[in-house]
Amino acid sequence: MISTSLLPETKYMKGTAQELFDGRSSRMELHGLLITFVLLLPQANCQGFEVFQPQGQMEGVESSNVTLICIVSSETPVGPLRWYRGAGSKRTHFYSAAPKGGDTNDPRVTWTMENTPVNYSITIRDLKVNDTGEYYCVKYAKTEENKPHTSGPGVKLTVKEFTVNQSQGSVDAVVGSDVTLLCLLSSPLLKGPVKWMKKTSNGQEHIYSLSSSGSETIAPRVTRTEAKSTVNFSITIRSVQLNDSGTYYCEKYKDGDMNTPFKAKEGVQLNVKGSPIISVFLLSIAVGVPAAVFLIGIILCVVCKARRKGDQNEEKKEPEYADGQERKEGQQAAEEDPEDTEYVNRNPIYADGGKDKNRKGCRKSLEVENLADCLEVRKHQVNFQFDQQFNGATGVTRYSCPLRPTT
C-alpha cells in the first residue's frame, strides 16, 4: 500500500475537467501526476498489486472532454484492464483494449496514453449529461479473465448542462447613449467561438465575435464588455442609433461545426428611442436643414393655435361673483320699476294676472277697479284708451287699461 503522505497534492486527487484537461496547464498537471505514480511503483511492488484512481470526484460540462485517471502499481500480473460504469448488478462495460463476448466500447473514449504498461487512463470526448455516474478501473489476470483481480476505488463523474444566459429580455435606451447586452456562459470548458447576431428581415446579421471569418464583419461601435473573461461574453454598443433597435442573439459554437450554433437563447430586444433635441438633429440630416426648419415651424404654429383656442375657451366661461352667484352679462342687479314702459314690455301682465314671457295670444292689459290707477298708466302710453265694464251682479265697475301703446 502506498502511504498517503507520498501521494500527489490534493488538487490532483479531485477537481474539474478544466483543472485536468483544458489545454493550458492540464497536460503538465496530468503528466506530473503520472510521473509521481511511476516513481512510487517500486514501493507499491513491495506491498502488492494496486489500482489507483486518485481523482475521487470529477466535474465535466456537456460537449467538453474529460480524462479519468487509472494507474496500476505493476506490469504483473499479465492480463487485460477494463473500464466499467456503475457497480454491482448495474455495472456495464465502458472501454477496454479487447472487449469480450458481447461487450462494446463507447466510440467517444480513447486511451489517454498509448502503449504504456501501467497507465490505463481514458479520455471521454463530447460529454453528455447522461454520462454522469461512477467509473471503475478493473484489472484481470490472464489466467482468470472472468474474475476481477483488483479494482480501483472508482471516480464519480458529474456532467452539467452547458447553458447560454441572456437574462435581460428587453432593454430600453436613448439615442446617443451606450448600452450593454449581457451574455454569460455556464462554463469555459467547451471550446469554440461565441458570436453575437442580430435578427433581420432576411435572417441574421453578424454583429460581433472574437474572430470573424469570410463575410462576417464586426460592427465598429461594438466592443466586448470584459475582454479577458472566459465566461462573460457581454457586449457594449456605443452611441446607439434608432436603427440599432432589434433582437440580438448570443450564440455558442463548437469547434468543427461553425454553421450551426450549439447553444443559443431567445435573445434580447433592444428598443432605442430618440430624445427631442437629437430627433430634430437627425431630422435636419435626413431631409435637409431648410426642410427641417419648415417642418418645425408648422409644428410650432399648430401648438400656438391650440393654446390660443384654449385661452378663448377660458374667456367664455361665466364670471364668478363674490357672493358665489353667476349673473349673465347685461343683467340688471336692481329691481325694475313695474310702471316703466320698457319693464312692462319685457314683463307683460296678462289678463289673468300672470307673468310669463313664453305665453302667446293673450291680451296685454291691466284690469283695475279704480280709474285713477288706469290714468296712472296713461303717463307711459301714446293714444291712451281704456275700456269700462259694469258688472250688474256685483255692482262693480272695472277698467281695462292697455299696457302697450296704441297707434
Protein backbone atom coordinates (compact mmCIF):
# COMPACT_ATOMS: atom_id res chain seq x y z
CA MET A 1 0.00 0.00 0.00
CA ILE A 2 1.34 3.44 -0.91
CA SER A 3 1.46 5.87 2.01
CA THR A 4 -0.94 8.80 1.69
CA SER A 5 1.90 11.14 2.57
CA LEU A 6 3.62 10.16 -0.67
CA LEU A 7 0.58 10.76 -2.87
CA PRO A 8 0.36 13.84 -5.09
CA GLU A 9 -1.15 17.08 -3.83
CA THR A 10 -4.92 17.32 -3.28
CA LYS A 11 -5.53 19.26 -6.48
CA TYR A 12 -4.57 16.12 -8.38
CA MET A 13 -6.84 13.91 -6.27
CA LYS A 14 -10.10 15.65 -7.18
CA GLY A 15 -11.10 18.54 -9.40
CA THR A 16 -12.85 19.58 -12.54
CA ALA A 17 -12.21 18.69 -16.12
CA GLN A 18 -10.81 22.19 -16.57
CA GLU A 19 -8.13 21.55 -13.96
CA LEU A 20 -7.01 18.30 -15.58
CA PHE A 21 -7.74 18.65 -19.25
CA ASP A 22 -8.42 22.17 -20.58
CA GLY A 23 -5.40 22.50 -22.87
CA ARG A 24 -3.49 25.14 -20.88
CA SER A 25 -1.87 23.68 -17.77
CA SER A 26 -3.84 20.43 -17.70
CA ARG A 27 -1.36 18.32 -19.68
CA MET A 28 1.51 19.39 -17.45
CA GLU A 29 -0.51 18.52 -14.35
CA LEU A 30 -1.56 15.18 -15.82
CA HIS A 31 1.99 14.30 -16.78
CA GLY A 32 3.22 15.34 -13.34
CA LEU A 33 0.65 13.08 -11.74
CA LEU A 34 1.67 10.13 -13.89
CA ILE A 35 5.38 10.66 -13.18
CA THR A 36 4.67 10.76 -9.44
CA PHE A 37 2.92 7.40 -9.58
CA VAL A 38 5.70 5.86 -11.68
CA LEU A 39 8.28 6.94 -9.09
CA LEU A 40 6.17 5.31 -6.37
CA LEU A 41 5.80 1.99 -8.21
CA PRO A 42 8.83 0.28 -6.62
CA GLN A 43 7.39 0.82 -3.14
CA ALA A 44 3.99 -0.38 -4.35
CA ASN A 45 5.52 -3.57 -5.76
CA CYS A 46 6.86 -4.44 -2.32
CA GLN A 47 3.40 -4.08 -0.84
CA GLY A 48 1.38 -5.90 -3.56
CA PHE A 49 -0.54 -5.05 -6.72
CA GLU A 50 -2.81 -1.99 -6.60
CA VAL A 51 -5.05 0.04 -8.91
CA PHE A 52 -5.06 3.79 -8.30
CA GLN A 53 -7.94 6.15 -9.19
CA PRO A 54 -6.86 9.30 -7.35
CA GLN A 55 -9.43 11.79 -8.60
CA GLY A 56 -12.34 10.78 -6.36
CA GLN A 57 -14.79 13.23 -7.97
CA MET A 58 -14.76 14.98 -11.31
CA GLU A 59 -16.97 17.55 -12.94
CA GLY A 60 -17.45 17.93 -16.66
CA VAL A 61 -19.58 20.07 -18.94
CA GLU A 62 -21.78 18.97 -21.77
CA SER A 63 -19.86 18.55 -25.07
CA SER A 64 -16.46 19.06 -23.41
CA ASN A 65 -13.75 16.41 -22.77
CA VAL A 66 -12.66 14.79 -19.53
CA THR A 67 -9.83 12.46 -18.53
CA LEU A 68 -10.33 9.73 -15.90
CA ILE A 69 -7.04 8.53 -14.42
CA CYS A 70 -6.13 4.89 -13.74
CA ILE A 71 -2.58 3.79 -12.76
CA VAL A 72 -1.55 0.25 -11.80
CA SER A 73 1.36 -0.44 -9.48
CA SER A 74 2.97 -3.17 -11.59
CA GLU A 75 3.03 -4.71 -15.02
CA THR A 76 2.18 -8.05 -13.44
CA PRO A 77 0.02 -9.99 -13.31
CA VAL A 78 -0.31 -10.07 -17.05
CA GLY A 79 -3.87 -9.60 -18.23
CA PRO A 80 -6.39 -7.06 -19.52
CA LEU A 81 -7.66 -3.97 -17.76
CA ARG A 82 -11.25 -2.88 -18.31
CA TRP A 83 -13.28 0.24 -17.50
CA TYR A 84 -16.82 -0.21 -16.19
CA ARG A 85 -19.62 2.20 -15.45
CA GLY A 86 -21.66 1.55 -12.32
CA ALA A 87 -21.20 -1.14 -9.70
CA GLY A 88 -22.77 -4.47 -8.78
CA SER A 89 -25.65 -5.63 -10.95
CA LYS A 90 -25.77 -2.23 -12.70
CA ARG A 91 -22.18 -2.46 -13.90
CA THR A 92 -21.77 -2.15 -17.68
CA HIS A 93 -18.67 -2.41 -19.85
CA PHE A 94 -17.42 1.04 -20.90
CA TYR A 95 -13.99 0.61 -22.51
CA SER A 96 -11.10 -1.87 -22.84
CA ALA A 97 -8.38 -2.86 -25.30
CA ALA A 98 -10.12 -6.11 -26.21
CA PRO A 99 -13.82 -6.30 -25.24
CA LYS A 100 -15.01 -9.83 -24.61
CA GLY A 101 -18.22 -11.54 -25.58
CA GLY A 102 -20.96 -9.01 -26.40
CA ASP A 103 -19.16 -6.06 -24.76
CA THR A 104 -18.57 -2.94 -26.85
CA ASN A 105 -16.51 0.20 -26.43
CA ASP A 106 -18.02 3.67 -26.26
CA PRO A 107 -16.86 5.32 -29.53
CA ARG A 108 -16.08 8.60 -27.75
CA VAL A 109 -13.44 7.00 -25.48
CA THR A 110 -9.70 6.53 -26.13
CA TRP A 111 -6.63 5.71 -24.07
CA THR A 112 -5.03 8.91 -22.85
CA MET A 113 -1.53 7.48 -23.44
CA GLU A 114 -0.99 4.60 -25.83
CA ASN A 115 1.21 1.52 -25.18
CA THR A 116 2.05 2.11 -21.53
CA PRO A 117 2.21 -0.89 -19.18
CA VAL A 118 0.94 0.95 -16.09
CA ASN A 119 -1.15 3.92 -17.31
CA TYR A 120 -4.71 2.99 -18.26
CA SER A 121 -6.26 6.48 -18.08
CA ILE A 122 -9.03 7.23 -20.57
CA THR A 123 -10.36 10.43 -22.21
CA ILE A 124 -14.09 10.82 -22.86
CA ARG A 125 -14.89 13.32 -25.61
CA ASP A 126 -18.15 15.16 -26.28
CA LEU A 127 -19.60 14.55 -22.84
CA LYS A 128 -23.35 14.08 -22.38
CA VAL A 129 -25.34 14.95 -19.31
CA ASN A 130 -26.32 11.28 -19.01
CA ASP A 131 -22.62 10.35 -18.72
CA THR A 132 -22.95 11.26 -15.06
CA GLY A 133 -22.08 8.24 -12.91
CA GLU A 134 -19.32 6.20 -11.24
CA TYR A 135 -16.49 4.70 -13.30
CA TYR A 136 -14.25 1.83 -12.16
CA CYS A 137 -10.87 0.67 -13.47
CA VAL A 138 -10.62 -3.16 -13.02
CA LYS A 139 -7.56 -5.39 -13.54
CA TYR A 140 -7.88 -9.02 -14.70
CA ALA A 141 -5.27 -11.78 -14.71
CA LYS A 142 -4.76 -13.63 -17.98
CA THR A 143 -5.25 -16.95 -16.25
CA GLU A 144 -8.66 -15.87 -14.88
CA GLU A 145 -10.13 -13.31 -17.27
CA ASN A 146 -13.66 -13.80 -15.97
CA LYS A 147 -12.73 -12.97 -12.40
CA PRO A 148 -11.55 -9.45 -11.40
CA HIS A 149 -8.08 -9.47 -9.88
CA THR A 150 -8.04 -5.94 -8.43
CA SER A 151 -10.46 -2.99 -8.77
CA GLY A 152 -9.83 0.68 -8.23
CA PRO A 153 -11.97 2.72 -5.78
CA GLY A 154 -13.80 4.41 -8.65
CA VAL A 155 -14.28 8.02 -9.66
CA LYS A 156 -17.60 9.85 -9.57
CA LEU A 157 -18.20 11.95 -12.71
CA THR A 158 -20.83 14.69 -12.79
CA VAL A 159 -21.67 16.23 -16.18
CA LYS A 160 -23.53 19.54 -16.17
CA GLU A 161 -25.55 21.02 -19.00
CA PHE A 162 -23.89 23.84 -20.90
CA THR A 163 -26.07 26.97 -20.98
CA VAL A 164 -26.03 30.44 -22.52
CA ASN A 165 -27.70 33.02 -20.31
CA GLN A 166 -29.23 36.22 -21.73
CA SER A 167 -31.16 37.39 -18.70
CA GLN A 168 -32.28 40.86 -19.79
CA GLY A 169 -35.21 40.03 -22.06
CA SER A 170 -35.72 43.67 -23.12
CA VAL A 171 -33.51 46.77 -22.87
CA ASP A 172 -34.56 50.41 -23.43
CA ALA A 173 -32.02 53.05 -24.48
CA VAL A 174 -31.94 56.66 -25.71
CA VAL A 175 -30.25 57.74 -28.92
CA GLY A 176 -26.59 58.60 -28.27
CA SER A 177 -26.23 56.56 -25.07
CA ASP A 178 -24.20 53.37 -24.51
CA VAL A 179 -25.94 50.08 -23.80
CA THR A 180 -24.65 46.70 -22.59
CA LEU A 181 -26.21 43.42 -23.70
CA LEU A 182 -25.46 40.54 -21.31
CA CYS A 183 -24.30 37.04 -22.25
CA LEU A 184 -22.90 34.59 -19.68
CA LEU A 185 -21.73 31.02 -20.31
CA SER A 186 -22.16 28.37 -17.65
CA SER A 187 -18.60 27.04 -18.17
CA PRO A 188 -15.35 27.88 -20.00
CA LEU A 189 -14.65 24.23 -20.86
CA LEU A 190 -16.43 23.96 -24.18
CA LYS A 191 -14.09 25.00 -26.96
CA GLY A 192 -15.43 27.10 -29.80
CA PRO A 193 -16.31 30.74 -30.53
CA VAL A 194 -19.19 32.89 -29.30
CA LYS A 195 -20.95 35.08 -31.83
CA TRP A 196 -23.44 37.94 -31.49
CA MET A 197 -26.09 38.05 -34.20
CA LYS A 198 -28.94 40.49 -34.93
CA LYS A 199 -32.27 39.40 -36.37
CA THR A 200 -33.08 40.89 -39.78
CA SER A 201 -35.84 40.50 -42.34
CA ASN A 202 -33.59 38.11 -44.29
CA GLY A 203 -32.35 36.08 -41.32
CA GLN A 204 -29.44 37.17 -39.13
CA GLU A 205 -26.62 39.71 -39.35
CA HIS A 206 -23.22 39.17 -37.71
CA ILE A 207 -22.54 41.85 -35.07
CA TYR A 208 -19.53 40.70 -33.06
CA SER A 209 -17.17 37.78 -32.36
CA LEU A 210 -13.57 37.46 -31.24
CA SER A 211 -12.53 36.30 -34.68
CA SER A 212 -14.60 36.86 -37.80
CA SER A 213 -14.25 34.86 -40.99
CA GLY A 214 -15.46 35.12 -44.57
CA SER A 215 -18.14 37.75 -45.00
CA GLU A 216 -18.51 38.31 -41.25
CA THR A 217 -17.60 41.80 -40.06
CA ILE A 218 -17.58 43.39 -36.63
CA ALA A 219 -19.81 46.43 -36.10
CA PRO A 220 -17.50 49.43 -35.47
CA ARG A 221 -19.36 50.67 -32.37
CA VAL A 222 -19.45 47.26 -30.65
CA THR A 223 -16.84 46.06 -28.15
CA ARG A 224 -16.66 43.22 -25.65
CA THR A 225 -17.51 44.36 -22.13
CA GLU A 226 -14.91 42.14 -20.38
CA ALA A 227 -12.20 41.26 -22.87
CA LYS A 228 -10.35 38.63 -20.79
CA SER A 229 -13.25 36.74 -19.26
CA THR A 230 -13.73 33.08 -20.23
CA VAL A 231 -17.47 33.03 -19.44
CA ASN A 232 -18.66 36.64 -19.83
CA PHE A 233 -19.26 37.48 -23.48
CA SER A 234 -21.41 40.58 -22.95
CA ILE A 235 -21.05 43.39 -25.49
CA THR A 236 -21.37 47.19 -25.28
CA ILE A 237 -22.84 49.21 -28.14
CA ARG A 238 -21.60 52.80 -28.05
CA SER A 239 -23.75 55.76 -29.11
CA VAL A 240 -26.79 53.71 -30.08
CA GLN A 241 -28.92 54.87 -33.02
CA LEU A 242 -32.56 54.30 -33.89
CA ASN A 243 -31.65 51.63 -36.43
CA ASP A 244 -29.88 49.65 -33.68
CA SER A 245 -33.30 48.58 -32.40
CA GLY A 246 -33.94 44.87 -32.82
CA THR A 247 -33.38 41.40 -31.36
CA TYR A 248 -29.81 40.30 -30.53
CA TYR A 249 -28.69 36.70 -30.03
CA CYS A 250 -25.62 35.35 -28.20
CA GLU A 251 -24.72 32.02 -29.83
CA LYS A 252 -22.15 29.42 -28.78
CA TYR A 253 -20.48 27.28 -31.47
CA LYS A 254 -18.38 24.12 -31.17
CA ASP A 255 -15.03 23.59 -32.80
CA GLY A 256 -15.54 21.80 -36.09
CA ASP A 257 -19.14 22.97 -36.57
CA MET A 258 -19.25 26.69 -37.33
CA ASN A 259 -22.50 26.62 -39.31
CA THR A 260 -24.92 25.57 -36.58
CA PRO A 261 -24.96 27.15 -33.11
CA PHE A 262 -24.61 24.60 -30.32
CA LYS A 263 -26.44 26.70 -27.75
CA ALA A 264 -28.43 29.92 -28.09
CA LYS A 265 -31.18 31.68 -26.18
CA GLU A 266 -34.29 33.52 -27.37
CA GLY A 267 -32.31 36.76 -27.48
CA VAL A 268 -32.66 40.27 -26.01
CA GLN A 269 -34.83 43.00 -27.52
CA LEU A 270 -33.17 46.43 -27.78
CA ASN A 271 -35.53 49.42 -28.03
CA VAL A 272 -33.85 52.71 -28.94
CA LYS A 273 -35.87 55.92 -28.51
CA GLY A 274 -34.90 59.41 -29.68
CA SER A 275 -34.70 62.50 -27.43
CA PRO A 276 -36.35 65.76 -28.75
CA ILE A 277 -33.07 67.57 -29.47
CA ILE A 278 -31.45 64.57 -31.11
CA SER A 279 -34.61 63.86 -33.10
CA VAL A 280 -34.55 67.40 -34.55
CA PHE A 281 -30.87 66.98 -35.37
CA LEU A 282 -31.48 63.66 -37.12
CA LEU A 283 -34.44 65.18 -38.96
CA SER A 284 -32.28 68.01 -40.27
CA ILE A 285 -29.75 65.49 -41.53
CA ALA A 286 -32.38 63.29 -43.15
CA VAL A 287 -34.41 65.94 -45.01
CA GLY A 288 -32.01 68.88 -45.10
CA VAL A 289 -31.83 71.91 -42.82
CA PRO A 290 -34.33 74.14 -44.78
CA ALA A 291 -36.97 71.41 -44.86
CA ALA A 292 -36.42 70.66 -41.18
CA VAL A 293 -36.88 74.34 -40.26
CA PHE A 294 -40.09 74.46 -42.31
CA LEU A 295 -41.48 71.36 -40.57
CA ILE A 296 -40.54 72.70 -37.14
CA GLY A 297 -42.33 76.00 -37.98
CA ILE A 298 -45.52 74.10 -38.85
CA ILE A 299 -45.35 72.20 -35.59
CA LEU A 300 -44.94 75.46 -33.61
CA CYS A 301 -47.92 77.07 -35.41
CA VAL A 302 -50.15 74.13 -34.57
CA VAL A 303 -49.09 74.30 -30.93
CA CYS A 304 -49.70 78.09 -30.75
CA LYS A 305 -53.17 77.77 -32.28
CA ALA A 306 -54.10 75.08 -29.84
CA ARG A 307 -53.01 77.26 -26.91
CA ARG A 308 -54.88 80.32 -28.28
CA LYS A 309 -58.08 78.32 -28.66
CA GLY A 310 -57.72 77.14 -25.09
CA ASP A 311 -57.34 80.76 -23.88
CA GLN A 312 -60.52 81.80 -25.74
CA ASN A 313 -62.46 78.99 -24.15
CA GLU A 314 -61.31 80.23 -20.75
CA GLU A 315 -62.59 83.77 -21.51
CA LYS A 316 -66.06 82.43 -22.45
CA LYS A 317 -66.62 80.98 -19.04
CA GLU A 318 -69.24 82.72 -16.84
CA PRO A 319 -67.66 85.14 -14.33
CA GLU A 320 -67.95 84.25 -10.72
CA TYR A 321 -69.00 86.94 -8.28
CA ALA A 322 -68.04 87.37 -4.67
CA ASP A 323 -71.40 86.10 -3.43
CA GLY A 324 -70.86 82.83 -5.33
CA GLN A 325 -73.71 83.54 -7.85
CA GLU A 326 -73.26 83.79 -11.61
CA ARG A 327 -75.09 86.53 -13.45
CA LYS A 328 -75.38 86.98 -17.18
CA GLU A 329 -73.70 89.95 -18.81
CA GLY A 330 -76.16 92.88 -19.03
CA GLN A 331 -78.47 91.53 -16.34
CA GLN A 332 -79.58 94.36 -14.05
CA ALA A 333 -78.97 93.89 -10.39
CA ALA A 334 -81.60 96.27 -9.10
CA GLU A 335 -85.37 95.66 -9.04
CA GLU A 336 -87.04 97.14 -12.11
CA ASP A 337 -89.94 99.57 -11.91
CA PRO A 338 -93.13 97.73 -12.94
CA GLU A 339 -94.60 101.05 -14.24
CA ASP A 340 -91.70 101.63 -16.60
CA THR A 341 -92.71 101.11 -20.26
CA GLU A 342 -89.66 99.03 -21.07
CA TYR A 343 -90.26 96.96 -17.98
CA VAL A 344 -93.88 96.47 -18.95
CA ASN A 345 -92.86 95.45 -22.44
CA ARG A 346 -90.31 92.98 -21.06
CA ASN A 347 -92.62 91.68 -18.33
CA PRO A 348 -96.21 91.83 -19.70
CA ILE A 349 -99.07 91.39 -17.25
CA TYR A 350 -101.78 89.28 -18.72
CA ALA A 351 -105.49 89.49 -18.09
CA ASP A 352 -105.39 86.66 -15.60
CA GLY A 353 -102.72 88.50 -13.57
CA GLY A 354 -99.87 86.11 -14.50
CA LYS A 355 -96.42 86.94 -15.81
CA ASP A 356 -94.94 84.65 -18.40
CA LYS A 357 -92.64 85.60 -21.26
CA ASN A 358 -93.39 82.34 -23.06
CA ARG A 359 -97.17 82.73 -23.21
CA LYS A 360 -98.65 83.69 -26.58
CA GLY A 361 -102.00 85.11 -27.80
CA CYS A 362 -103.19 86.80 -24.53
CA ARG A 363 -104.25 90.46 -24.39
CA LYS A 364 -101.68 92.57 -22.67
CA SER A 365 -103.81 94.76 -20.33
CA LEU A 366 -104.35 95.68 -16.70
CA GLU A 367 -107.77 95.32 -15.09
CA VAL A 368 -108.41 97.63 -12.13
CA GLU A 369 -111.39 98.90 -10.18
CA ASN A 370 -110.13 102.44 -9.69
CA LEU A 371 -109.94 104.73 -12.72
CA ALA A 372 -107.09 106.62 -11.11
CA ASP A 373 -104.97 103.52 -11.37
CA CYS A 374 -105.71 103.33 -15.03
CA LEU A 375 -104.91 107.01 -15.51
CA GLU A 376 -101.54 106.44 -13.81
CA VAL A 377 -100.64 104.07 -16.63
CA ARG A 378 -101.57 106.83 -19.10
CA LYS A 379 -98.31 108.61 -18.32
CA HIS A 380 -96.47 105.94 -20.33
CA GLN A 381 -98.97 105.40 -23.15
CA VAL A 382 -99.49 107.06 -26.51
CA ASN A 383 -103.10 107.46 -27.77
CA PHE A 384 -104.23 106.04 -24.46
CA GLN A 385 -107.64 104.32 -24.48
CA PHE A 386 -109.29 102.23 -21.83
CA ASP A 387 -112.38 100.06 -21.60
CA GLN A 388 -115.02 100.33 -18.92
CA GLN A 389 -117.25 97.42 -17.94
CA PHE A 390 -120.02 97.35 -15.29
CA ASN A 391 -120.87 94.12 -13.51
CA GLY A 392 -124.53 94.22 -12.62
CA ALA A 393 -124.36 91.26 -10.32
CA THR A 394 -121.76 92.83 -8.11
CA GLY A 395 -122.31 96.45 -8.89
CA VAL A 396 -118.58 96.94 -9.53
CA THR A 397 -117.17 98.83 -12.48
CA ARG A 398 -113.83 97.54 -13.81
CA TYR A 399 -111.49 99.36 -16.09
CA SER A 400 -109.23 97.61 -18.63
CA CYS A 401 -106.06 99.59 -19.32
CA PRO A 402 -103.89 98.54 -22.30
CA LEU A 403 -100.22 98.22 -21.40
CA ARG A 404 -98.83 98.76 -24.86
CA PRO A 405 -99.16 101.96 -26.83
CA THR A 406 -101.87 102.03 -29.49
CA THR A 407 -101.46 103.65 -32.83
